[in-house]
Amino acid sequence: MKTIGLIEDNDKDRGIIAQKLEKMGYKVEVPYRFSKVLEFAFRDDIDILVIDAFLGCVSGIEIMRLLKRKKFTKPVYLISGIDNKFLPELNPLLKLIKPAAFIQKQYIEEDLKCLAS
């Protein structure tokens, strides 16, 4: 069973996403403190990271930049509840940080199924 490290600051969203991922057969871990996110990402038992693009304390995009600088090699899926009309503004950032995929939260279950197969 693969373990997903879920970095999501919204309690409700985190619960819903974790439940969907667990239903798909993943084990889900969350960091206890956002100040320890980088240490959390590099844990040996984390296989995949799922990061909210727009966290309250620090952006998921900035976390991805830091991970890239540290030569992070595990797949990172960037998620967001962003409305489709804002995606063109986000595309240049996505090209820069190159997540394994960008997934809108409402489609996480369907998109992860496709990516996992």
C-alpha atoms as a PDB file:
ATOM      1  CA  MET A   1       0.000   0.000   0.000  1.00  0.00           C
ATOM      2  CA  LYS A   2       1.397   3.395  -0.997  1.00  0.00           C
ATOM      3  CA  THR A   3       1.394   6.243   1.483  1.00  0.00           C
ATOM      4  CA  ILE A   4       0.309   9.715   0.454  1.00  0.00           C
ATOM      5  CA  GLY A   5       1.526  12.739   2.358  1.00  0.00           C
ATOM      6  CA  LEU A   6      -1.417  15.154   2.291  1.00  0.00           C
ATOM      7  CA  ILE A   7      -0.598  18.813   2.851  1.00  0.00           C
ATOM      8  CA  GLU A   8      -3.906  20.656   3.127  1.00  0.00           C
ATOM      9  CA  ASP A   9      -4.691  23.412   5.619  1.00  0.00           C
ATOM     10  CA  ASN A  10      -8.487  23.303   5.425  1.00  0.00           C
ATOM     11  CA  ASP A  11      -9.758  20.727   7.942  1.00  0.00           C
ATOM     12  CA  LYS A  12     -12.932  19.948   6.013  1.00  0.00           C
ATOM     13  CA  ASP A  13     -11.135  19.529   2.663  1.00  0.00           C
ATOM     14  CA  ARG A  14      -8.370  17.491   4.295  1.00  0.00           C
ATOM     15  CA  GLY A  15     -10.924  15.104   5.790  1.00  0.00           C
ATOM     16  CA  ILE A  16     -12.824  14.678   2.524  1.00  0.00           C
ATOM     17  CA  ILE A  17      -9.675  14.188   0.442  1.00  0.00           C
ATOM     18  CA  ALA A  18      -8.131  11.785   2.972  1.00  0.00           C
ATOM     19  CA  GLN A  19     -11.330   9.744   3.031  1.00  0.00           C
ATOM     20  CA  LYS A  20     -11.397   9.524  -0.788  1.00  0.00           C
ATOM     21  CA  LEU A  21      -7.728   8.519  -0.932  1.00  0.00           C
ATOM     22  CA  GLU A  22      -8.159   5.882   1.777  1.00  0.00           C
ATOM     23  CA  LYS A  23     -11.189   4.529  -0.075  1.00  0.00           C
ATOM     24  CA  MET A  24      -8.897   4.155  -3.113  1.00  0.00           C
ATOM     25  CA  GLY A  25      -6.505   2.051  -1.049  1.00  0.00           C
ATOM     26  CA  TYR A  26      -3.889   4.619  -0.038  1.00  0.00           C
ATOM     27  CA  LYS A  27      -2.617   5.201   3.462  1.00  0.00           C
ATOM     28  CA  VAL A  28      -2.783   8.945   4.208  1.00  0.00           C
ATOM     29  CA  GLU A  29      -0.429  10.845   6.497  1.00  0.00           C
ATOM     30  CA  VAL A  30      -0.605  14.561   7.336  1.00  0.00           C
ATOM     31  CA  PRO A  31       2.103  16.765   8.852  1.00  0.00           C
ATOM     32  CA  TYR A  32       1.566  17.762  12.459  1.00  0.00           C
ATOM     33  CA  ARG A  33       3.058  21.203  11.857  1.00  0.00           C
ATOM     34  CA  PHE A  34       3.341  23.205   8.677  1.00  0.00           C
ATOM     35  CA  SER A  35       6.737  24.401   9.860  1.00  0.00           C
ATOM     36  CA  LYS A  36       7.943  20.806   9.404  1.00  0.00           C
ATOM     37  CA  VAL A  37       6.535  20.229   5.892  1.00  0.00           C
ATOM     38  CA  LEU A  38       9.921  19.694   4.216  1.00  0.00           C
ATOM     39  CA  GLU A  39      10.997  17.151   6.831  1.00  0.00           C
ATOM     40  CA  PHE A  40       7.606  15.467   6.424  1.00  0.00           C
ATOM     41  CA  ALA A  41       8.001  15.277   2.628  1.00  0.00           C
ATOM     42  CA  PHE A  42      11.355  13.513   2.898  1.00  0.00           C
ATOM     43  CA  ARG A  43      10.111  10.825   5.300  1.00  0.00           C
ATOM     44  CA  ASP A  44      10.929   7.349   3.990  1.00  0.00           C
ATOM     45  CA  ASP A  45       7.343   6.135   4.405  1.00  0.00           C
ATOM     46  CA  ILE A  46       5.861   8.870   2.176  1.00  0.00           C
ATOM     47  CA  ASP A  47       5.583   7.694  -1.448  1.00  0.00           C
ATOM     48  CA  ILE A  48       3.567  10.526  -3.001  1.00  0.00           C
ATOM     49  CA  LEU A  49       2.816  14.107  -1.958  1.00  0.00           C
ATOM     50  CA  VAL A  50      -0.510  15.818  -2.518  1.00  0.00           C
ATOM     51  CA  ILE A  51      -0.200  19.537  -1.775  1.00  0.00           C
ATOM     52  CA  ASP A  52      -2.843  22.262  -1.802  1.00  0.00           C
ATOM     53  CA  ALA A  53      -1.624  25.030  -4.113  1.00  0.00           C
ATOM     54  CA  PHE A  54      -2.916  27.801  -1.883  1.00  0.00           C
ATOM     55  CA  LEU A  55      -2.285  27.091   1.781  1.00  0.00           C
ATOM     56  CA  GLY A  56      -2.959  29.797   4.345  1.00  0.00           C
ATOM     57  CA  CYS A  57       0.516  29.938   5.848  1.00  0.00           C
ATOM     58  CA  VAL A  58       2.691  29.229   2.802  1.00  0.00           C
ATOM     59  CA  SER A  59       1.749  28.359  -0.752  1.00  0.00           C
ATOM     60  CA  GLY A  60       1.984  24.827  -2.062  1.00  0.00           C
ATOM     61  CA  ILE A  61       3.744  26.335  -5.052  1.00  0.00           C
ATOM     62  CA  GLU A  62       6.487  27.689  -2.784  1.00  0.00           C
ATOM     63  CA  ILE A  63       6.780  24.302  -1.058  1.00  0.00           C
ATOM     64  CA  MET A  64       7.259  22.712  -4.479  1.00  0.00           C
ATOM     65  CA  ARG A  65       9.985  25.225  -5.347  1.00  0.00           C
ATOM     66  CA  LEU A  66      11.810  24.369  -2.129  1.00  0.00           C
ATOM     67  CA  LEU A  67      11.434  20.635  -2.767  1.00  0.00           C
ATOM     68  CA  LYS A  68      12.779  21.068  -6.289  1.00  0.00           C
ATOM     69  CA  ARG A  69      15.855  22.900  -4.945  1.00  0.00           C
ATOM     70  CA  LYS A  70      16.453  20.017  -2.540  1.00  0.00           C
ATOM     71  CA  LYS A  71      16.313  17.483  -5.416  1.00  0.00           C
ATOM     72  CA  PHE A  72      13.054  15.903  -4.246  1.00  0.00           C
ATOM     73  CA  THR A  73      12.274  12.918  -6.484  1.00  0.00           C
ATOM     74  CA  LYS A  74       8.900  11.605  -5.309  1.00  0.00           C
ATOM     75  CA  PRO A  75       5.750  12.417  -7.318  1.00  0.00           C
ATOM     76  CA  VAL A  76       4.013  15.604  -6.202  1.00  0.00           C
ATOM     77  CA  TYR A  77       0.397  16.303  -7.116  1.00  0.00           C
ATOM     78  CA  LEU A  78      -0.688  19.893  -6.725  1.00  0.00           C
ATOM     79  CA  ILE A  79      -4.378  20.338  -5.894  1.00  0.00           C
ATOM     80  CA  SER A  80      -6.649  23.339  -5.674  1.00  0.00           C
ATOM     81  CA  GLY A  81     -10.268  24.313  -5.494  1.00  0.00           C
ATOM     82  CA  ILE A  82      -9.477  27.136  -7.937  1.00  0.00           C
ATOM     83  CA  ASP A  83     -12.143  28.054 -10.442  1.00  0.00           C
ATOM     84  CA  ASN A  84     -11.411  27.149 -14.090  1.00  0.00           C
ATOM     85  CA  LYS A  85     -11.347  30.827 -15.098  1.00  0.00           C
ATOM     86  CA  PHE A  86      -8.152  31.318 -13.049  1.00  0.00           C
ATOM     87  CA  LEU A  87      -6.255  28.377 -14.561  1.00  0.00           C
ATOM     88  CA  PRO A  88      -4.623  30.464 -17.332  1.00  0.00           C
ATOM     89  CA  GLU A  89      -2.983  32.618 -14.645  1.00  0.00           C
ATOM     90  CA  LEU A  90      -1.708  29.510 -12.877  1.00  0.00           C
ATOM     91  CA  ASN A  91      -0.290  27.776 -15.964  1.00  0.00           C
ATOM     92  CA  PRO A  92       3.063  29.676 -16.053  1.00  0.00           C
ATOM     93  CA  LEU A  93       3.701  28.677 -12.430  1.00  0.00           C
ATOM     94  CA  LEU A  94       2.807  25.056 -13.147  1.00  0.00           C
ATOM     95  CA  LYS A  95       5.293  24.998 -16.032  1.00  0.00           C
ATOM     96  CA  LEU A  96       7.965  26.362 -13.725  1.00  0.00           C
ATOM     97  CA  ILE A  97       7.489  23.916 -10.832  1.00  0.00           C
ATOM     98  CA  LYS A  98       6.368  20.898 -12.916  1.00  0.00           C
ATOM     99  CA  PRO A  99       4.120  18.914 -10.577  1.00  0.00           C
ATOM    100  CA  ALA A 100       3.363  15.317 -11.575  1.00  0.00           C
ATOM    101  CA  ALA A 101      -0.179  16.636 -12.138  1.00  0.00           C
ATOM    102  CA  PHE A 102      -2.441  19.520 -11.239  1.00  0.00           C
ATOM    103  CA  ILE A 103      -5.789  18.309  -9.933  1.00  0.00           C
ATOM    104  CA  GLN A 104      -8.844  20.322  -9.018  1.00  0.00           C
ATOM    105  CA  LYS A 105     -10.108  19.138  -5.628  1.00  0.00           C
ATOM    106  CA  GLN A 106     -13.549  18.217  -6.872  1.00  0.00           C
ATOM    107  CA  TYR A 107     -11.973  15.754  -9.355  1.00  0.00           C
ATOM    108  CA  ILE A 108      -9.271  14.254  -7.133  1.00  0.00           C
ATOM    109  CA  GLU A 109     -10.748  10.764  -7.004  1.00  0.00           C
ATOM    110  CA  GLU A 110     -11.216  10.450 -10.774  1.00  0.00           C
ATOM    111  CA  ASP A 111      -7.873  12.031 -11.661  1.00  0.00           C
ATOM    112  CA  LEU A 112      -5.842   9.955  -9.198  1.00  0.00           C
ATOM    113  CA  LYS A 113      -7.473   6.785 -10.509  1.00  0.00           C
ATOM    114  CA  CYS A 114      -6.343   7.707 -14.025  1.00  0.00           C
ATOM    115  CA  LEU A 115      -2.833   8.616 -12.905  1.00  0.00           C
ATOM    116  CA  ALA A 116      -2.431   5.463 -10.817  1.00  0.00           C
ATOM    117  CA  SER A 117      -3.287   3.136 -13.701  1.00  0.00           C
END
